[in-house]
PDB file of N, CA and C in Angstrom:
ATOM      1  N   MET A   1     -21.571  -5.112 -10.160  1.00  0.00           N
ATOM      2  CA  MET A   1     -20.172  -4.786 -10.470  1.00  0.00           C
ATOM      3  C   MET A   1     -19.545  -5.941 -11.255  1.00  0.00           C
ATOM      4  N   SER A   2     -18.885  -5.609 -12.336  1.00  0.00           N
ATOM      5  CA  SER A   2     -18.288  -6.652 -13.164  1.00  0.00           C
ATOM      6  C   SER A   2     -17.007  -7.180 -12.524  1.00  0.00           C
ATOM      7  N   LYS A   3     -16.579  -8.334 -13.000  1.00  0.00           N
ATOM      8  CA  LYS A   3     -15.381  -8.964 -12.440  1.00  0.00           C
ATOM      9  C   LYS A   3     -14.145  -8.111 -12.709  1.00  0.00           C
ATOM     10  N   ARG A   4     -14.119  -7.458 -13.883  1.00  0.00           N
ATOM     11  CA  ARG A   4     -12.965  -6.625 -14.236  1.00  0.00           C
ATOM     12  C   ARG A   4     -12.852  -5.438 -13.277  1.00  0.00           C
ATOM     13  N   ASN A   5     -13.987  -4.812 -12.966  1.00  0.00           N
ATOM     14  CA  ASN A   5     -13.968  -3.678 -12.038  1.00  0.00           C
ATOM     15  C   ASN A   5     -13.526  -4.117 -10.649  1.00  0.00           C
ATOM     16  N   LEU A   6     -13.969  -5.310 -10.239  1.00  0.00           N
ATOM     17  CA  LEU A   6     -13.609  -5.831  -8.928  1.00  0.00           C
ATOM     18  C   LEU A   6     -12.108  -6.076  -8.860  1.00  0.00           C
ATOM     19  N   LEU A   7     -11.547  -6.618  -9.940  1.00  0.00           N
ATOM     20  CA  LEU A   7     -10.110  -6.884  -9.997  1.00  0.00           C
ATOM     21  C   LEU A   7      -9.327  -5.576  -9.939  1.00  0.00           C
ATOM     22  N   TYR A   8      -9.812  -4.584 -10.687  1.00  0.00           N
ATOM     23  CA  TYR A   8      -9.159  -3.273 -10.695  1.00  0.00           C
ATOM     24  C   TYR A   8      -9.191  -2.648  -9.306  1.00  0.00           C
ATOM     25  N   LEU A   9     -10.318  -2.776  -8.645  1.00  0.00           N
ATOM     26  CA  LEU A   9     -10.483  -2.220  -7.305  1.00  0.00           C
ATOM     27  C   LEU A   9      -9.552  -2.919  -6.315  1.00  0.00           C
ATOM     28  N   ALA A  10      -9.426  -4.233  -6.444  1.00  0.00           N
ATOM     29  CA  ALA A  10      -8.552  -5.001  -5.552  1.00  0.00           C
ATOM     30  C   ALA A  10      -7.097  -4.590  -5.753  1.00  0.00           C
ATOM     31  N   MET A  11      -6.690  -4.401  -7.003  1.00  0.00           N
ATOM     32  CA  MET A  11      -5.317  -3.990  -7.300  1.00  0.00           C
ATOM     33  C   MET A  11      -5.043  -2.602  -6.735  1.00  0.00           C
ATOM     34  N   LEU A  12      -6.017  -1.711  -6.886  1.00  0.00           N
ATOM     35  CA  LEU A  12      -5.876  -0.347  -6.393  1.00  0.00           C
ATOM     36  C   LEU A  12      -5.748  -0.345  -4.864  1.00  0.00           C
ATOM     37  N   ALA A  13      -6.570  -1.153  -4.205  1.00  0.00           N
ATOM     38  CA  ALA A  13      -6.529  -1.235  -2.745  1.00  0.00           C
ATOM     39  C   ALA A  13      -5.194  -1.798  -2.272  1.00  0.00           C
ATOM     40  N   THR A  14      -4.702  -2.816  -2.984  1.00  0.00           N
ATOM     41  CA  THR A  14      -3.415  -3.416  -2.623  1.00  0.00           C
ATOM     42  C   THR A  14      -2.296  -2.396  -2.754  1.00  0.00           C
ATOM     43  N   ALA A  15      -2.318  -1.638  -3.845  1.00  0.00           N
ATOM     44  CA  ALA A  15      -1.284  -0.624  -4.074  1.00  0.00           C
ATOM     45  C   ALA A  15      -1.347   0.456  -2.989  1.00  0.00           C
ATOM     46  N   ALA A  16      -2.553   0.838  -2.594  1.00  0.00           N
ATOM     47  CA  ALA A  16      -2.716   1.873  -1.579  1.00  0.00           C
ATOM     48  C   ALA A  16      -2.191   1.394  -0.224  1.00  0.00           C
ATOM     49  N   VAL A  17      -2.528   0.159   0.139  1.00  0.00           N
ATOM     50  CA  VAL A  17      -2.072  -0.396   1.418  1.00  0.00           C
ATOM     51  C   VAL A  17      -0.562  -0.558   1.420  1.00  0.00           C
ATOM     52  N   TRP A  18       0.001  -1.057   0.313  1.00  0.00           N
ATOM     53  CA  TRP A  18       1.448  -1.273   0.208  1.00  0.00           C
ATOM     54  C   TRP A  18       2.180   0.066   0.294  1.00  0.00           C
ATOM     55  N   GLY A  19       1.653   1.059  -0.402  1.00  0.00           N
ATOM     56  CA  GLY A  19       2.265   2.385  -0.375  1.00  0.00           C
ATOM     57  C   GLY A  19       2.205   2.999   1.016  1.00  0.00           C
ATOM     58  N   GLY A  20       1.071   2.855   1.668  1.00  0.00           N
ATOM     59  CA  GLY A  20       0.921   3.396   3.010  1.00  0.00           C
ATOM     60  C   GLY A  20       1.854   2.713   3.993  1.00  0.00           C
ATOM     61  N   ALA A  21       1.969   1.390   3.890  1.00  0.00           N
ATOM     62  CA  ALA A  21       2.856   0.634   4.779  1.00  0.00           C
ATOM     63  C   ALA A  21       4.307   1.039   4.541  1.00  0.00           C
ATOM     64  N   PHE A  22       4.662   1.292   3.278  1.00  0.00           N
ATOM     65  CA  PHE A  22       6.030   1.688   2.946  1.00  0.00           C
ATOM     66  C   PHE A  22       6.373   3.025   3.592  1.00  0.00           C
ATOM     67  N   VAL A  23       5.441   3.967   3.537  1.00  0.00           N
ATOM     68  CA  VAL A  23       5.665   5.285   4.143  1.00  0.00           C
ATOM     69  C   VAL A  23       5.846   5.149   5.656  1.00  0.00           C
ATOM     70  N   VAL A  24       5.011   4.335   6.285  1.00  0.00           N
ATOM     71  CA  VAL A  24       5.104   4.137   7.738  1.00  0.00           C
ATOM     72  C   VAL A  24       6.434   3.490   8.103  1.00  0.00           C
ATOM     73  N   MET A  25       6.846   2.481   7.341  1.00  0.00           N
ATOM     74  CA  MET A  25       8.113   1.798   7.629  1.00  0.00           C
ATOM     75  C   MET A  25       9.299   2.726   7.402  1.00  0.00           C
ATOM     76  N   LYS A  26       9.211   3.571   6.370  1.00  0.00           N
ATOM     77  CA  LYS A  26      10.297   4.506   6.081  1.00  0.00           C
ATOM     78  C   LYS A  26      10.496   5.464   7.259  1.00  0.00           C
ATOM     79  N   ASP A  27       9.403   5.955   7.802  1.00  0.00           N
ATOM     80  CA  ASP A  27       9.482   6.863   8.947  1.00  0.00           C
ATOM     81  C   ASP A  27      10.123   6.173  10.150  1.00  0.00           C
ATOM     82  N   SER A  28       9.703   4.937  10.442  1.00  0.00           N
ATOM     83  CA  SER A  28      10.235   4.246  11.615  1.00  0.00           C
ATOM     84  C   SER A  28      11.696   3.864  11.405  1.00  0.00           C
ATOM     85  N   LEU A  29      12.088   3.567  10.162  1.00  0.00           N
ATOM     86  CA  LEU A  29      13.487   3.235   9.888  1.00  0.00           C
ATOM     87  C   LEU A  29      14.378   4.456  10.094  1.00  0.00           C
ATOM     88  N   GLU A  30      13.887   5.622   9.718  1.00  0.00           N
ATOM     89  CA  GLU A  30      14.669   6.846   9.902  1.00  0.00           C
ATOM     90  C   GLU A  30      14.876   7.132  11.387  1.00  0.00           C
ATOM     91  N   GLN A  31      13.899   6.806  12.207  1.00  0.00           N
ATOM     92  CA  GLN A  31      14.003   7.054  13.646  1.00  0.00           C
ATOM     93  C   GLN A  31      14.987   6.088  14.302  1.00  0.00           C
ATOM     94  N   GLN A  32      15.189   4.911  13.707  1.00  0.00           N
ATOM     95  CA  GLN A  32      16.050   3.898  14.318  1.00  0.00           C
ATOM     96  C   GLN A  32      17.529   4.143  14.056  1.00  0.00           C
ATOM     97  N   ASP A  33      17.851   5.022  13.120  1.00  0.00           N
ATOM     98  CA  ASP A  33      19.257   5.282  12.772  1.00  0.00           C
ATOM     99  C   ASP A  33      19.971   4.005  12.329  1.00  0.00           C
ATOM    100  N   VAL A  34      19.438   3.335  11.351  1.00  0.00           N
ATOM    101  CA  VAL A  34      20.012   2.070  10.873  1.00  0.00           C
ATOM    102  C   VAL A  34      21.300   2.353  10.121  1.00  0.00           C
TER     103      VAL A  34
END
């Protein structure tokens, strides 16, 4: 695997984790009635 592909994969994984965490936090914030 080339370095460019590895970098692309790392960015994609980061975006997926960040997006997933955002969805989870959004749900819990709605339940808290902030």
